[in-house]
Amino acid sequence: MEQDNENDVLNETIFLPDFCGIRMVLTVVVVAELLAFVILLMTSIDRPMSWDRLGVLSLFIQWIALSSIAILCVSRKWLIRLNDTLAGYISYFIVLMVTLVVSELAYWSMTSMGIFDNLRSHVDFILRNLGISAILSAITLRFIYLQYQQKMHMQAHANARIQALQARIRPHFLFNSMNTIAALIRSQPENAEAAVEDLSDLFRASLSNAQQLVSVADEMELVRRYIHIEQLRLGERLSISWSLDDIPDAALLPVLTLQPLLENAIYHGIEHLPEGGEIKVFGQRKGGWLNIVIINPCLPPDSARRSQGNKMAVRNIDERLQIAFGKPAGLTVLRETDQCRVEVVFPYQEKK
């Protein structure tokens, strides 16, 4: 598992793509064939086009392209341990060496067929191929590097935004919790001590990496600690029913996904109802996807006491789910007359 984690980190820090992937191989084949067409069109100005020439040219270029990515595929586990500059130069050198070797083999093959018969044609053939390969491989590697830089910039921007959202926690929960603890210190010191421990665990989780994936079991432990604090404050006004048997405990999701949703259910719903209410939490498994639904009572839309909220937690969680798992992971919110329904959707993944 440690080796897998190390490979994941290395894959994120190297600008060279995975040349072993089928998509990359198909892309190289298509681009190489397009290059063969372009070269054939350029060299057919003073001579008629020939399918035989296209076949030979395509075979030659495909040999260089596929041989290059095969060597880069095998070498990647060493290249990823180098800095980007050195890895780029070595990759560039590999492509040029492959071009030289394939060109030599092609030259001697064509010489045996009587196409080339002197040293000058040999030098011209090799230098021309190396020149074309040098220009195209330099442009390609530069394009790959710029794409990598853009991807890293976008990811850094998304992570910075998520960290900012995570840091802007509403202070009402802290104030309410501290008031509850202060009220319990003399009358119920054991409950006050337990509430302090629960509060410290919650804030420790809030300071963790926003992209960290935790198991559903660990997330539910944080949720129960939060609910315990709120039940000390709200008493019998707050009740919760759980039905998460279909959700595997080992399933992964971003840290602090469910707790802010329970906080919203209490802050925007239960807290405004004089008689309180029940929050229902249930889960379903549909193939490789997991759904967790939270339903809580709330004031009607036209109520003057209804809290609108700023939807910060919802945006935060939705962004983190999509960054962690891609679409269609995320959450949806449905507000009805007297209740609010939030559904969290994410794929079933476990730690390797």
Protein backbone atom coordinates (compact mmCIF):
# COMPACT_ATOMS: atom_id res chain seq x y z
CA MET A 1 0.00 0.00 0.00
CA GLU A 2 2.87 2.34 0.77
CA GLN A 3 4.31 1.63 -2.68
CA ASP A 4 0.96 2.48 -4.31
CA ASN A 5 0.78 5.73 -2.39
CA GLU A 6 4.32 6.59 -3.43
CA ASN A 7 3.48 5.96 -7.09
CA ASP A 8 0.36 8.12 -6.82
CA VAL A 9 2.41 11.00 -5.45
CA LEU A 10 5.07 10.61 -8.13
CA ASN A 11 2.46 10.50 -10.88
CA GLU A 12 1.15 13.86 -9.69
CA THR A 13 4.58 15.50 -9.73
CA ILE A 14 5.85 14.58 -13.20
CA PHE A 15 4.85 16.44 -16.34
CA LEU A 16 5.30 13.41 -18.60
CA PRO A 17 2.02 11.58 -19.23
CA ASP A 18 1.50 7.84 -18.86
CA PHE A 19 2.80 6.56 -22.20
CA CYS A 20 1.57 3.05 -21.35
CA GLY A 21 -2.09 4.08 -21.48
CA ILE A 22 -4.19 2.93 -24.41
CA ARG A 23 -5.50 6.46 -24.99
CA MET A 24 -1.97 7.81 -25.28
CA VAL A 25 -0.98 5.02 -27.71
CA LEU A 26 -4.01 5.72 -29.93
CA THR A 27 -3.27 9.44 -29.86
CA VAL A 28 0.33 8.86 -30.94
CA VAL A 29 -0.76 6.52 -33.75
CA VAL A 30 -3.28 9.04 -35.10
CA VAL A 31 -0.87 11.98 -34.87
CA ALA A 32 1.91 9.97 -36.53
CA GLU A 33 -0.39 9.03 -39.39
CA LEU A 34 -1.43 12.65 -39.85
CA LEU A 35 2.24 13.60 -39.95
CA ALA A 36 2.80 11.01 -42.67
CA PHE A 37 0.01 12.56 -44.73
CA VAL A 38 1.44 16.06 -44.27
CA ILE A 39 4.96 15.00 -45.31
CA LEU A 40 3.58 13.13 -48.31
CA LEU A 41 1.59 16.17 -49.44
CA MET A 42 4.65 18.42 -49.04
CA THR A 43 6.89 16.10 -51.05
CA SER A 44 4.30 15.44 -53.76
CA ILE A 45 4.46 18.92 -55.28
CA ASP A 46 6.82 17.81 -58.06
CA ARG A 47 5.78 14.16 -58.22
CA PRO A 48 2.45 12.26 -58.22
CA MET A 49 1.04 10.97 -54.96
CA SER A 50 1.44 7.26 -54.37
CA TRP A 51 -0.27 4.99 -51.87
CA ASP A 52 2.88 2.88 -51.82
CA ARG A 53 4.88 5.91 -50.69
CA LEU A 54 2.26 6.66 -48.04
CA GLY A 55 2.49 3.11 -46.77
CA VAL A 56 6.27 3.16 -46.51
CA LEU A 57 6.28 6.63 -44.94
CA SER A 58 3.57 5.66 -42.43
CA LEU A 59 5.46 2.49 -41.47
CA PHE A 60 8.65 4.47 -40.94
CA ILE A 61 7.02 7.20 -38.80
CA GLN A 62 4.92 4.72 -36.81
CA TRP A 63 8.04 2.72 -35.97
CA ILE A 64 9.72 5.83 -34.58
CA ALA A 65 6.63 6.99 -32.69
CA LEU A 66 5.65 3.65 -31.15
CA SER A 67 9.24 2.69 -30.32
CA SER A 68 9.73 6.07 -28.60
CA ILE A 69 6.64 5.80 -26.40
CA ALA A 70 7.45 2.14 -25.62
CA ILE A 71 10.86 3.16 -24.26
CA LEU A 72 9.36 6.17 -22.45
CA CYS A 73 6.72 3.86 -20.97
CA VAL A 74 9.37 1.51 -19.58
CA SER A 75 11.61 4.40 -18.47
CA ARG A 76 8.88 6.41 -16.76
CA LYS A 77 9.37 4.80 -13.35
CA TRP A 78 12.90 6.25 -13.39
CA LEU A 79 12.06 9.51 -15.12
CA ILE A 80 9.42 10.40 -12.51
CA ARG A 81 12.17 10.50 -9.87
CA LEU A 82 13.95 13.31 -11.71
CA ASN A 83 13.12 16.98 -11.89
CA ASP A 84 11.07 18.17 -14.85
CA THR A 85 14.02 19.74 -16.70
CA LEU A 86 16.22 16.65 -16.57
CA ALA A 87 13.31 14.32 -17.36
CA GLY A 88 12.46 16.49 -20.36
CA TYR A 89 16.01 16.45 -21.72
CA ILE A 90 16.33 12.69 -21.29
CA SER A 91 12.97 12.12 -23.00
CA TYR A 92 14.09 14.37 -25.85
CA PHE A 93 17.35 12.42 -26.16
CA ILE A 94 15.45 9.10 -26.19
CA VAL A 95 13.25 10.22 -29.09
CA LEU A 96 16.28 11.41 -31.09
CA MET A 97 18.16 8.15 -30.46
CA VAL A 98 15.15 6.13 -31.54
CA THR A 99 14.91 8.25 -34.69
CA LEU A 100 18.60 7.66 -35.41
CA VAL A 101 18.38 3.90 -34.93
CA VAL A 102 15.18 3.48 -36.98
CA SER A 103 16.58 5.75 -39.70
CA GLU A 104 19.75 3.66 -39.93
CA LEU A 105 17.75 0.46 -40.16
CA ALA A 106 15.50 2.01 -42.81
CA TYR A 107 18.47 3.30 -44.79
CA TRP A 108 20.24 -0.05 -44.95
CA SER A 109 16.98 -1.77 -45.81
CA MET A 110 16.41 0.64 -48.68
CA THR A 111 20.08 0.36 -49.73
CA SER A 112 19.67 -3.39 -50.10
CA MET A 113 16.76 -2.63 -52.45
CA GLY A 114 18.91 -0.24 -54.49
CA ILE A 115 17.17 2.99 -53.43
CA PHE A 116 20.29 4.59 -51.89
CA ASP A 117 23.75 4.03 -53.30
CA ASN A 118 26.11 6.68 -51.90
CA LEU A 119 27.35 8.17 -48.66
CA ARG A 120 25.89 11.63 -49.31
CA SER A 121 22.35 10.28 -49.56
CA HIS A 122 22.98 8.42 -46.30
CA VAL A 123 24.00 11.58 -44.44
CA ASP A 124 21.19 13.63 -45.96
CA PHE A 125 18.61 10.97 -45.03
CA ILE A 126 19.79 10.72 -41.41
CA LEU A 127 20.16 14.47 -40.86
CA ARG A 128 16.79 15.25 -42.41
CA ASN A 129 15.04 12.70 -40.18
CA LEU A 130 16.86 13.91 -37.07
CA GLY A 131 16.00 17.52 -37.89
CA ILE A 132 12.29 16.78 -38.30
CA SER A 133 12.29 14.63 -35.15
CA ALA A 134 14.13 17.30 -33.14
CA ILE A 135 11.65 20.02 -34.05
CA LEU A 136 8.49 17.94 -33.60
CA SER A 137 9.58 16.27 -30.35
CA ALA A 138 10.61 19.64 -28.87
CA ILE A 139 7.22 21.14 -29.75
CA THR A 140 5.41 18.07 -28.38
CA LEU A 141 7.30 18.01 -25.07
CA ARG A 142 6.77 21.75 -24.66
CA PHE A 143 3.03 21.32 -25.29
CA ILE A 144 2.85 18.48 -22.75
CA TYR A 145 4.69 20.58 -20.17
CA LEU A 146 2.38 23.58 -20.67
CA GLN A 147 -0.66 21.32 -20.31
CA TYR A 148 0.81 19.94 -17.09
CA GLN A 149 1.43 23.45 -15.76
CA GLN A 150 -2.13 24.48 -16.56
CA LYS A 151 -3.50 21.38 -14.82
CA MET A 152 -1.39 22.04 -11.71
CA HIS A 153 -2.47 25.68 -11.67
CA MET A 154 -6.14 24.74 -11.87
CA GLN A 155 -5.75 22.11 -9.16
CA ALA A 156 -3.89 24.54 -6.89
CA HIS A 157 -6.59 27.15 -7.44
CA ALA A 158 -9.31 24.64 -6.59
CA ASN A 159 -7.48 23.44 -3.47
CA ALA A 160 -6.89 27.02 -2.31
CA ARG A 161 -10.56 27.82 -2.74
CA ILE A 162 -11.59 24.71 -0.84
CA GLN A 163 -9.17 25.48 1.99
CA ALA A 164 -10.57 29.01 2.19
CA LEU A 165 -14.11 27.70 2.34
CA GLN A 166 -13.14 25.17 4.96
CA ALA A 167 -11.43 27.80 7.11
CA ARG A 168 -14.50 30.08 7.13
CA ILE A 169 -16.48 27.98 9.62
CA ARG A 170 -19.48 29.76 11.11
CA PRO A 171 -18.66 30.79 14.69
CA HIS A 172 -22.15 30.05 16.01
CA PHE A 173 -21.35 26.39 16.64
CA LEU A 174 -18.23 27.25 18.64
CA PHE A 175 -20.06 29.88 20.70
CA ASN A 176 -23.03 27.59 21.37
CA SER A 177 -20.76 24.70 22.29
CA MET A 178 -18.70 26.80 24.70
CA ASN A 179 -21.87 28.12 26.36
CA THR A 180 -23.17 24.57 26.71
CA ILE A 181 -19.91 23.38 28.22
CA ALA A 182 -19.84 26.34 30.62
CA ALA A 183 -23.39 25.51 31.77
CA LEU A 184 -22.49 21.86 32.36
CA ILE A 185 -19.20 22.35 34.23
CA ARG A 186 -20.81 22.59 37.69
CA SER A 187 -23.95 20.51 37.26
CA GLN A 188 -22.66 17.76 34.93
CA PRO A 189 -18.85 17.84 34.87
CA GLU A 190 -18.56 14.45 33.13
CA ASN A 191 -20.76 15.59 30.24
CA ALA A 192 -18.80 18.84 30.06
CA GLU A 193 -15.52 16.93 29.80
CA ALA A 194 -16.96 14.65 27.09
CA ALA A 195 -18.20 17.71 25.18
CA VAL A 196 -14.71 19.28 25.28
CA GLU A 197 -13.20 16.07 23.88
CA ASP A 198 -15.83 15.94 21.13
CA LEU A 199 -15.21 19.59 20.27
CA SER A 200 -11.45 19.11 20.08
CA ASP A 201 -11.85 16.13 17.72
CA LEU A 202 -14.17 18.13 15.46
CA PHE A 203 -11.78 21.06 15.19
CA ARG A 204 -8.83 18.73 14.65
CA ALA A 205 -10.72 17.30 11.67
CA SER A 206 -11.52 20.81 10.39
CA LEU A 207 -7.79 21.60 10.32
CA SER A 208 -6.93 18.49 8.31
CA ASN A 209 -6.31 18.36 4.58
CA ALA A 210 -9.54 19.25 2.78
CA GLN A 211 -8.78 16.63 0.12
CA GLN A 212 -8.14 13.83 2.63
CA LEU A 213 -10.37 10.80 2.13
CA VAL A 214 -11.63 9.02 5.24
CA SER A 215 -13.83 5.99 5.73
CA VAL A 216 -17.54 6.34 6.31
CA ALA A 217 -16.98 4.82 9.76
CA ASP A 218 -14.51 7.59 10.71
CA GLU A 219 -16.78 10.29 9.29
CA MET A 220 -19.75 8.91 11.22
CA GLU A 221 -17.70 8.99 14.42
CA LEU A 222 -17.18 12.74 13.92
CA VAL A 223 -20.89 13.15 13.16
CA ARG A 224 -21.89 11.38 16.35
CA ARG A 225 -19.52 13.53 18.39
CA TYR A 226 -21.09 16.64 16.87
CA ILE A 227 -24.63 15.35 17.50
CA HIS A 228 -23.71 14.57 21.12
CA ILE A 229 -22.72 18.21 21.69
CA GLU A 230 -25.89 19.51 20.06
CA GLN A 231 -28.10 17.12 22.03
CA LEU A 232 -26.60 18.46 25.25
CA ARG A 233 -27.73 21.92 24.11
CA LEU A 234 -31.10 21.14 22.52
CA GLY A 235 -32.14 18.21 24.66
CA GLU A 236 -35.34 16.43 23.58
CA ARG A 237 -35.91 18.94 20.76
CA LEU A 238 -33.35 17.06 18.70
CA SER A 239 -33.76 13.42 17.67
CA ILE A 240 -32.06 11.48 14.88
CA SER A 241 -32.89 8.23 13.13
CA TRP A 242 -30.11 6.35 11.36
CA SER A 243 -30.41 3.80 8.55
CA LEU A 244 -26.99 3.35 6.98
CA ASP A 245 -26.70 -0.44 6.91
CA ASP A 246 -26.37 -0.43 3.10
CA ILE A 247 -23.35 1.90 3.23
CA PRO A 248 -20.04 0.01 3.74
CA ASP A 249 -18.02 1.34 6.66
CA ALA A 250 -14.82 1.16 4.58
CA ALA A 251 -16.18 3.35 1.76
CA LEU A 252 -14.15 6.54 1.29
CA LEU A 253 -15.35 10.14 1.12
CA PRO A 254 -13.76 13.56 1.79
CA VAL A 255 -13.32 14.43 5.46
CA LEU A 256 -16.10 16.57 6.95
CA THR A 257 -18.67 15.74 4.29
CA LEU A 258 -21.59 14.69 6.48
CA GLN A 259 -20.99 16.75 9.64
CA PRO A 260 -21.55 20.17 7.98
CA LEU A 261 -24.78 18.85 6.46
CA LEU A 262 -26.04 17.77 9.89
CA GLU A 263 -24.97 21.18 11.19
CA ASN A 264 -27.03 22.85 8.47
CA ALA A 265 -30.02 20.64 9.28
CA ILE A 266 -29.88 21.78 12.91
CA TYR A 267 -28.95 25.41 12.37
CA HIS A 268 -31.43 26.12 9.55
CA GLY A 269 -34.12 23.68 10.65
CA ILE A 270 -34.42 22.15 14.13
CA GLU A 271 -33.15 25.24 15.96
CA HIS A 272 -35.95 27.43 14.56
CA LEU A 273 -38.75 25.03 15.49
CA PRO A 274 -40.10 25.45 19.05
CA GLU A 275 -40.97 21.76 19.25
CA GLY A 276 -37.76 20.65 17.52
CA GLY A 277 -37.93 17.69 15.22
CA GLU A 278 -36.33 14.52 13.87
CA ILE A 279 -33.48 14.33 11.37
CA LYS A 280 -33.53 11.23 9.19
CA VAL A 281 -30.28 9.88 7.79
CA PHE A 282 -30.38 6.87 5.48
CA GLY A 283 -28.20 5.39 2.78
CA GLN A 284 -28.54 3.29 -0.34
CA ARG A 285 -26.12 1.42 -2.55
CA LYS A 286 -26.87 1.38 -6.27
CA GLY A 287 -24.28 -0.66 -8.12
CA GLY A 288 -20.93 1.07 -7.68
CA TRP A 289 -22.46 4.27 -6.29
CA LEU A 290 -23.49 5.22 -2.76
CA ASN A 291 -26.27 7.64 -1.79
CA ILE A 292 -26.60 9.20 1.65
CA VAL A 293 -29.76 11.24 2.23
CA ILE A 294 -30.42 13.68 5.07
CA ILE A 295 -33.98 14.91 5.65
CA ASN A 296 -34.86 17.48 8.29
CA PRO A 297 -37.95 19.55 9.11
CA CYS A 298 -37.74 23.28 8.50
CA LEU A 299 -39.90 26.39 8.50
CA PRO A 300 -42.02 27.10 5.41
CA PRO A 301 -40.49 29.40 2.75
CA ASP A 302 -42.69 32.35 3.69
CA SER A 303 -41.75 32.25 7.36
CA ALA A 304 -40.11 35.43 8.69
CA ARG A 305 -37.90 33.35 10.97
CA ARG A 306 -36.63 31.11 8.19
CA SER A 307 -32.84 31.24 7.87
CA GLN A 308 -31.66 31.56 4.28
CA GLY A 309 -28.05 30.61 4.92
CA ASN A 310 -25.16 31.30 2.57
CA LYS A 311 -24.90 27.76 1.09
CA MET A 312 -21.17 27.77 1.84
CA ALA A 313 -21.12 24.24 3.24
CA VAL A 314 -23.12 22.91 0.28
CA ARG A 315 -20.73 24.46 -2.29
CA ASN A 316 -17.73 23.30 -0.29
CA ILE A 317 -18.86 19.68 -0.12
CA ASP A 318 -20.03 19.59 -3.74
CA GLU A 319 -16.64 20.89 -4.97
CA ARG A 320 -14.67 18.47 -2.83
CA LEU A 321 -16.72 15.49 -3.99
CA GLN A 322 -16.25 16.39 -7.66
CA ILE A 323 -12.53 17.00 -7.26
CA ALA A 324 -12.10 13.70 -5.39
CA PHE A 325 -14.29 11.52 -7.63
CA GLY A 326 -15.31 13.57 -10.68
CA LYS A 327 -18.85 13.78 -11.96
CA PRO A 328 -21.56 12.65 -11.27
CA ALA A 329 -20.36 12.71 -7.66
CA GLY A 330 -21.74 15.65 -5.69
CA LEU A 331 -24.83 16.61 -3.76
CA THR A 332 -28.28 17.95 -4.48
CA VAL A 333 -30.56 19.99 -2.24
CA LEU A 334 -34.35 19.86 -2.48
CA ARG A 335 -36.43 22.27 -0.38
CA GLU A 336 -40.10 21.44 0.11
CA THR A 337 -42.83 23.12 2.12
CA ASP A 338 -41.82 21.92 5.55
CA GLN A 339 -38.69 19.84 5.03
CA CYS A 340 -35.26 19.93 3.40
CA ARG A 341 -33.68 16.95 1.64
CA VAL A 342 -29.95 16.69 0.88
CA GLU A 343 -28.57 13.78 -1.13
CA VAL A 344 -24.85 12.98 -1.30
CA VAL A 345 -23.71 10.78 -4.21
CA PHE A 346 -20.22 9.28 -4.48
CA PRO A 347 -18.62 6.10 -5.91
CA TYR A 348 -17.80 3.12 -3.72
CA GLN A 349 -14.04 3.12 -3.17
CA GLU A 350 -11.92 1.56 -0.44
CA LYS A 351 -8.33 2.04 0.63
CA LYS A 352 -5.92 -0.11 -1.37
